[in-house]
Amino acid sequence: MSEPAVGTDVLGMQTTAIKKNNHFILNGRKMWITNGTVDEKGTPCDLVLVYAKTGEKNGKPLISTFLVEKGFKGFEVGQKIKDKLGMRASNTAELVFQDCEVPASHLVGQEGDSMLHMMRNLEIERVTLAAMSIGIARRAIEIMNKYCVEREAFGKPLNQFGQIQKMIAESYAEFKASRAYVYDVARVLRLDHEGQRADSDGVKLVATTMAKNVCDRAIQALGGYGYVGEYVVERLWRDSKLLEIGGGTLEAHQKNITRDLAKNPGLLFL
């Protein structure tokens, strides 16, 4: 979905697919693609789902989805993304489509269907990223709690100091509240239909920032040990930051929730 010059504004995508006989000719570039390459050499992934413009209707772009396989003429990895702040074990790449020939049979659904595809898939992705945040926060709390029980200062464990108690207690309460929200949204989410945007955005808005804040407190509670790799919390903090950006930025969620509430105030009572 994302491109070098297009992120949140998905309708601004520049990748196009033009029908020619029994093929579509795909041109464009995609950026930040997870598992776009499978190794350090830039070997393309086996299969990728690509969104592209296939025309316009009533002044709005028609977005369609294509299955592009490794070996298709014109499909290659532009670059592997390096020096990421976090999630470094996840291969990320730019993909390039230069007059890429895609059989018409590799069109998913019908031309123009993919606005609904994107909406549904983003809802699923955002709940998934919120769930990742829950896992990150839980681990950070576990590490922080254990360290503050075992580490002593001025003759007593760190967890007997009010400042440390505030860090641990607030982290625990925020984690539990976010987890309840994640489970509730996951319970009602429909995998075959869009329509849960307010809460898929809402749960990611809450949970991702919660995880980052919890990791930040864990680093602070561990002091110098929190700043180095041995205790893991510095990596958890770096990984958590991506979750505020990937799958839609926090600012996009704020915009979407405000719009959805304006259209449907009844969401407050569901």
Protein backbone atom coordinates (compact mmCIF):
# COMPACT_ATOMS: atom_id res chain seq x y z
CA MET A 1 0.00 0.00 0.00
CA SER A 2 2.67 2.53 1.04
CA GLU A 3 4.89 4.17 -1.55
CA PRO A 4 8.02 6.35 -1.38
CA ALA A 5 5.92 9.51 -1.67
CA VAL A 6 2.61 8.24 -0.25
CA GLY A 7 1.76 6.92 3.20
CA THR A 8 -1.43 7.83 5.05
CA ASP A 9 -2.96 9.34 1.89
CA VAL A 10 -3.51 5.98 0.22
CA LEU A 11 -5.71 7.46 -2.51
CA GLY A 12 -2.68 9.43 -3.61
CA MET A 13 -0.86 6.25 -4.63
CA GLN A 14 0.90 6.49 -7.96
CA THR A 15 1.21 2.81 -8.87
CA THR A 16 -0.94 1.99 -11.90
CA ALA A 17 -2.13 -1.14 -13.65
CA ILE A 18 -3.30 -0.88 -17.27
CA LYS A 19 -5.14 -3.73 -18.98
CA LYS A 20 -3.45 -4.97 -22.15
CA ASN A 21 -4.91 -8.07 -23.78
CA ASN A 22 -4.82 -10.81 -21.14
CA HIS A 23 -2.37 -9.00 -18.86
CA PHE A 24 -2.16 -5.92 -16.67
CA ILE A 25 0.96 -3.77 -17.00
CA LEU A 26 1.95 -2.68 -13.51
CA ASN A 27 4.17 0.36 -12.92
CA GLY A 28 5.16 1.90 -9.60
CA ARG A 29 7.10 1.46 -6.38
CA LYS A 30 6.04 0.27 -2.93
CA MET A 31 7.88 1.14 0.28
CA TRP A 32 8.22 -0.33 3.80
CA ILE A 33 7.07 -3.76 2.68
CA THR A 34 7.45 -6.37 5.43
CA ASN A 35 9.17 -9.51 4.08
CA GLY A 36 9.47 -7.84 0.67
CA THR A 37 12.90 -9.44 0.55
CA VAL A 38 13.76 -12.74 2.18
CA ASP A 39 17.51 -12.24 2.70
CA GLU A 40 20.36 -9.74 2.77
CA LYS A 41 20.94 -10.13 -0.98
CA GLY A 42 17.62 -8.59 -1.95
CA THR A 43 15.93 -11.79 -3.12
CA PRO A 44 12.26 -10.95 -3.74
CA CYS A 45 9.49 -12.54 -1.71
CA ASP A 46 7.58 -15.37 -3.35
CA LEU A 47 4.25 -13.56 -3.52
CA VAL A 48 2.97 -10.07 -2.79
CA LEU A 49 -0.46 -8.43 -2.82
CA VAL A 50 -0.18 -5.09 -4.63
CA TYR A 51 -2.67 -2.23 -4.65
CA ALA A 52 -2.74 -0.17 -7.86
CA LYS A 53 -4.92 2.37 -9.63
CA THR A 54 -6.85 0.90 -12.55
CA GLY A 55 -8.82 3.97 -13.57
CA GLU A 56 -11.29 6.50 -12.18
CA LYS A 57 -15.01 6.67 -11.49
CA ASN A 58 -16.88 9.87 -10.64
CA GLY A 59 -13.56 11.64 -10.20
CA LYS A 60 -12.26 9.12 -7.66
CA PRO A 61 -9.54 6.54 -8.29
CA LEU A 62 -10.42 2.89 -8.72
CA ILE A 63 -8.06 0.81 -6.57
CA SER A 64 -7.53 -2.85 -7.43
CA THR A 65 -5.48 -5.68 -5.94
CA PHE A 66 -3.08 -7.96 -7.80
CA LEU A 67 -1.15 -11.09 -6.88
CA VAL A 68 2.42 -10.62 -8.10
CA GLU A 69 4.77 -13.60 -7.99
CA LYS A 70 8.55 -13.79 -7.86
CA GLY A 71 9.82 -14.24 -11.38
CA PHE A 72 7.25 -12.01 -13.03
CA LYS A 73 8.98 -9.83 -15.60
CA GLY A 74 9.52 -6.31 -14.23
CA PHE A 75 9.20 -7.20 -10.53
CA GLU A 76 12.28 -6.73 -8.35
CA VAL A 77 13.50 -5.47 -4.98
CA GLY A 78 14.61 -1.83 -5.12
CA GLN A 79 16.44 -1.87 -1.80
CA LYS A 80 16.42 -3.56 1.55
CA ILE A 81 15.66 -1.00 4.27
CA LYS A 82 18.48 -0.89 6.82
CA ASP A 83 19.30 0.99 10.03
CA LYS A 84 15.75 0.86 11.36
CA LEU A 85 15.18 2.11 14.90
CA GLY A 86 13.45 -1.12 15.88
CA MET A 87 11.94 -4.33 14.50
CA ARG A 88 15.36 -5.08 13.04
CA ALA A 89 14.71 -8.81 12.73
CA SER A 90 11.87 -8.06 10.30
CA ASN A 91 13.05 -7.78 6.71
CA THR A 92 11.70 -4.62 5.11
CA ALA A 93 12.12 -3.60 1.48
CA GLU A 94 11.20 -1.31 -1.37
CA LEU A 95 9.57 -3.14 -4.27
CA VAL A 96 9.77 -1.94 -7.86
CA PHE A 97 7.35 -2.74 -10.68
CA GLN A 98 8.65 -1.64 -14.09
CA ASP A 99 6.29 -2.65 -16.89
CA CYS A 100 5.54 -5.71 -14.79
CA GLU A 101 3.34 -8.16 -16.65
CA VAL A 102 0.61 -9.56 -14.40
CA PRO A 103 -1.85 -12.12 -15.82
CA ALA A 104 -5.45 -10.90 -15.73
CA SER A 105 -6.24 -14.02 -13.68
CA HIS A 106 -4.14 -12.52 -10.84
CA LEU A 107 -6.60 -9.68 -10.31
CA VAL A 108 -8.22 -10.21 -6.88
CA GLY A 109 -11.98 -9.78 -7.15
CA GLN A 110 -13.09 -7.10 -9.59
CA GLU A 111 -11.47 -3.84 -10.66
CA GLY A 112 -12.18 -1.14 -8.10
CA ASP A 113 -13.02 -3.56 -5.27
CA SER A 114 -9.97 -2.74 -3.22
CA MET A 115 -11.16 0.29 -1.30
CA LEU A 116 -13.19 -2.25 0.68
CA HIS A 117 -10.19 -4.64 0.78
CA MET A 118 -8.00 -1.92 2.25
CA MET A 119 -10.54 -0.81 4.83
CA ARG A 120 -11.09 -4.37 6.06
CA ASN A 121 -7.41 -5.29 6.04
CA LEU A 122 -6.42 -2.12 7.89
CA GLU A 123 -8.96 -2.86 10.61
CA ILE A 124 -7.47 -6.34 11.08
CA GLU A 125 -3.92 -4.99 10.97
CA ARG A 126 -4.59 -2.30 13.55
CA VAL A 127 -6.07 -4.74 16.06
CA THR A 128 -3.09 -7.02 15.45
CA LEU A 129 -0.62 -4.20 16.12
CA ALA A 130 -2.54 -3.29 19.26
CA ALA A 131 -2.19 -6.91 20.40
CA MET A 132 1.57 -6.71 19.73
CA SER A 133 1.63 -3.68 21.99
CA ILE A 134 0.04 -5.70 24.77
CA GLY A 135 2.77 -8.32 24.52
CA ILE A 136 5.52 -5.72 24.53
CA ALA A 137 4.05 -3.97 27.56
CA ARG A 138 3.61 -7.20 29.51
CA ARG A 139 7.22 -8.19 28.99
CA ALA A 140 8.45 -4.73 29.97
CA ILE A 141 6.40 -4.84 33.17
CA GLU A 142 7.71 -8.32 34.00
CA ILE A 143 11.30 -7.14 33.62
CA MET A 144 10.72 -3.91 35.52
CA ASN A 145 8.91 -5.64 38.39
CA LYS A 146 11.56 -8.36 38.80
CA TYR A 147 14.42 -5.87 38.69
CA CYS A 148 12.80 -3.56 41.23
CA VAL A 149 12.17 -6.46 43.63
CA GLU A 150 15.79 -7.65 43.45
CA ARG A 151 17.69 -4.36 43.16
CA GLU A 152 18.32 -2.42 46.34
CA ALA A 153 19.13 1.23 47.01
CA PHE A 154 19.70 2.83 50.40
CA GLY A 155 19.24 -0.55 52.04
CA LYS A 156 15.86 -1.54 50.63
CA PRO A 157 14.37 -2.84 47.35
CA LEU A 158 13.58 -0.28 44.69
CA ASN A 159 9.89 -1.22 44.70
CA GLN A 160 9.56 0.26 48.19
CA PHE A 161 10.14 3.77 46.85
CA GLY A 162 7.06 5.76 45.89
CA GLN A 163 8.45 6.92 42.56
CA ILE A 164 9.09 3.35 41.47
CA GLN A 165 5.71 2.21 42.78
CA LYS A 166 4.06 4.85 40.59
CA MET A 167 5.87 3.53 37.49
CA ILE A 168 4.95 -0.09 38.17
CA ALA A 169 1.36 0.49 39.27
CA GLU A 170 0.43 2.85 36.43
CA SER A 171 2.04 0.52 33.90
CA TYR A 172 0.08 -2.45 35.24
CA ALA A 173 -3.25 -0.62 35.26
CA GLU A 174 -2.77 0.82 31.76
CA PHE A 175 -1.71 -2.60 30.44
CA LYS A 176 -4.80 -4.29 31.88
CA ALA A 177 -7.15 -1.60 30.56
CA SER A 178 -5.62 -1.77 27.09
CA ARG A 179 -5.76 -5.55 27.08
CA ALA A 180 -9.48 -5.48 27.88
CA TYR A 181 -10.06 -3.07 24.98
CA VAL A 182 -8.01 -5.24 22.59
CA TYR A 183 -9.93 -8.39 23.54
CA ASP A 184 -13.28 -6.62 23.21
CA VAL A 185 -12.52 -5.26 19.74
CA ALA A 186 -11.08 -8.60 18.60
CA ARG A 187 -14.29 -10.28 19.79
CA VAL A 188 -16.58 -8.19 17.57
CA LEU A 189 -14.24 -7.69 14.60
CA ARG A 190 -15.58 -9.18 11.38
CA LEU A 191 -12.91 -10.75 9.18
CA ASP A 192 -15.13 -10.75 6.08
CA HIS A 193 -16.42 -7.17 6.19
CA GLU A 194 -15.30 -3.66 7.07
CA GLY A 195 -17.18 -1.43 9.51
CA GLN A 196 -15.23 -1.46 12.79
CA ARG A 197 -12.87 1.42 12.01
CA ALA A 198 -13.62 3.59 15.05
CA ASP A 199 -12.59 0.88 17.49
CA SER A 200 -9.83 -0.72 15.42
CA ASP A 201 -8.30 2.76 15.28
CA GLY A 202 -9.19 3.49 18.89
CA VAL A 203 -7.57 0.38 20.30
CA LYS A 204 -4.37 0.98 18.35
CA LEU A 205 -4.35 4.63 19.39
CA VAL A 206 -4.51 3.62 23.05
CA ALA A 207 -2.46 0.43 23.15
CA THR A 208 0.55 1.49 21.10
CA THR A 209 1.20 4.63 23.11
CA MET A 210 0.61 2.66 26.31
CA ALA A 211 3.31 0.16 25.31
CA LYS A 212 5.82 2.87 24.49
CA ASN A 213 5.16 4.65 27.78
CA VAL A 214 5.48 1.42 29.76
CA CYS A 215 8.80 0.64 28.08
CA ASP A 216 9.98 4.16 28.77
CA ARG A 217 9.17 3.72 32.47
CA ALA A 218 10.94 0.37 32.52
CA ILE A 219 14.09 1.97 31.10
CA GLN A 220 13.86 4.71 33.71
CA ALA A 221 13.33 2.25 36.56
CA LEU A 222 16.32 0.15 35.49
CA GLY A 223 18.51 3.22 35.04
CA GLY A 224 21.73 2.49 33.18
CA TYR A 225 20.85 -1.19 32.90
CA GLY A 226 17.66 -0.23 31.07
CA TYR A 227 19.66 1.66 28.48
CA VAL A 228 21.72 -1.35 27.36
CA GLY A 229 20.70 -4.51 25.54
CA GLU A 230 21.19 -6.99 28.40
CA TYR A 231 17.79 -6.28 29.96
CA VAL A 232 15.88 -6.03 26.64
CA VAL A 233 13.67 -3.07 27.60
CA GLU A 234 15.57 -0.67 25.33
CA ARG A 235 14.75 -2.94 22.38
CA LEU A 236 11.13 -3.19 23.46
CA TRP A 237 10.97 0.62 23.50
CA ARG A 238 12.44 0.80 19.99
CA ASP A 239 10.06 -1.86 18.70
CA SER A 240 7.04 -0.21 20.28
CA LYS A 241 7.66 3.09 18.50
CA LEU A 242 6.96 1.55 15.11
CA LEU A 243 3.49 0.57 16.26
CA GLU A 244 2.56 4.25 16.56
CA ILE A 245 3.43 4.67 12.88
CA GLY A 246 2.84 1.40 11.00
CA GLY A 247 -0.65 0.42 9.94
CA GLY A 248 -1.70 4.06 10.13
CA THR A 249 -0.26 6.85 12.24
CA LEU A 250 -1.78 8.00 15.51
CA GLU A 251 -2.79 11.23 13.78
CA ALA A 252 -4.71 9.26 11.14
CA HIS A 253 -6.55 7.38 13.90
CA GLN A 254 -7.49 10.65 15.59
CA LYS A 255 -8.89 11.95 12.31
CA ASN A 256 -10.82 8.76 11.57
CA ILE A 257 -12.36 8.45 15.03
CA THR A 258 -13.46 12.09 15.03
CA ARG A 259 -15.09 11.68 11.60
CA ASP A 260 -16.82 8.44 12.56
CA LEU A 261 -18.21 9.91 15.78
CA ALA A 262 -19.52 12.93 13.91
CA LYS A 263 -21.37 10.62 11.52
CA ASN A 264 -22.52 8.14 14.14
CA PRO A 265 -22.67 9.44 17.76
CA GLY A 266 -24.34 6.16 18.69
CA LEU A 267 -20.92 4.52 18.69
CA LEU A 268 -20.53 5.85 22.22
CA PHE A 269 -23.27 3.52 23.45
CA LEU A 270 -22.14 0.27 21.79
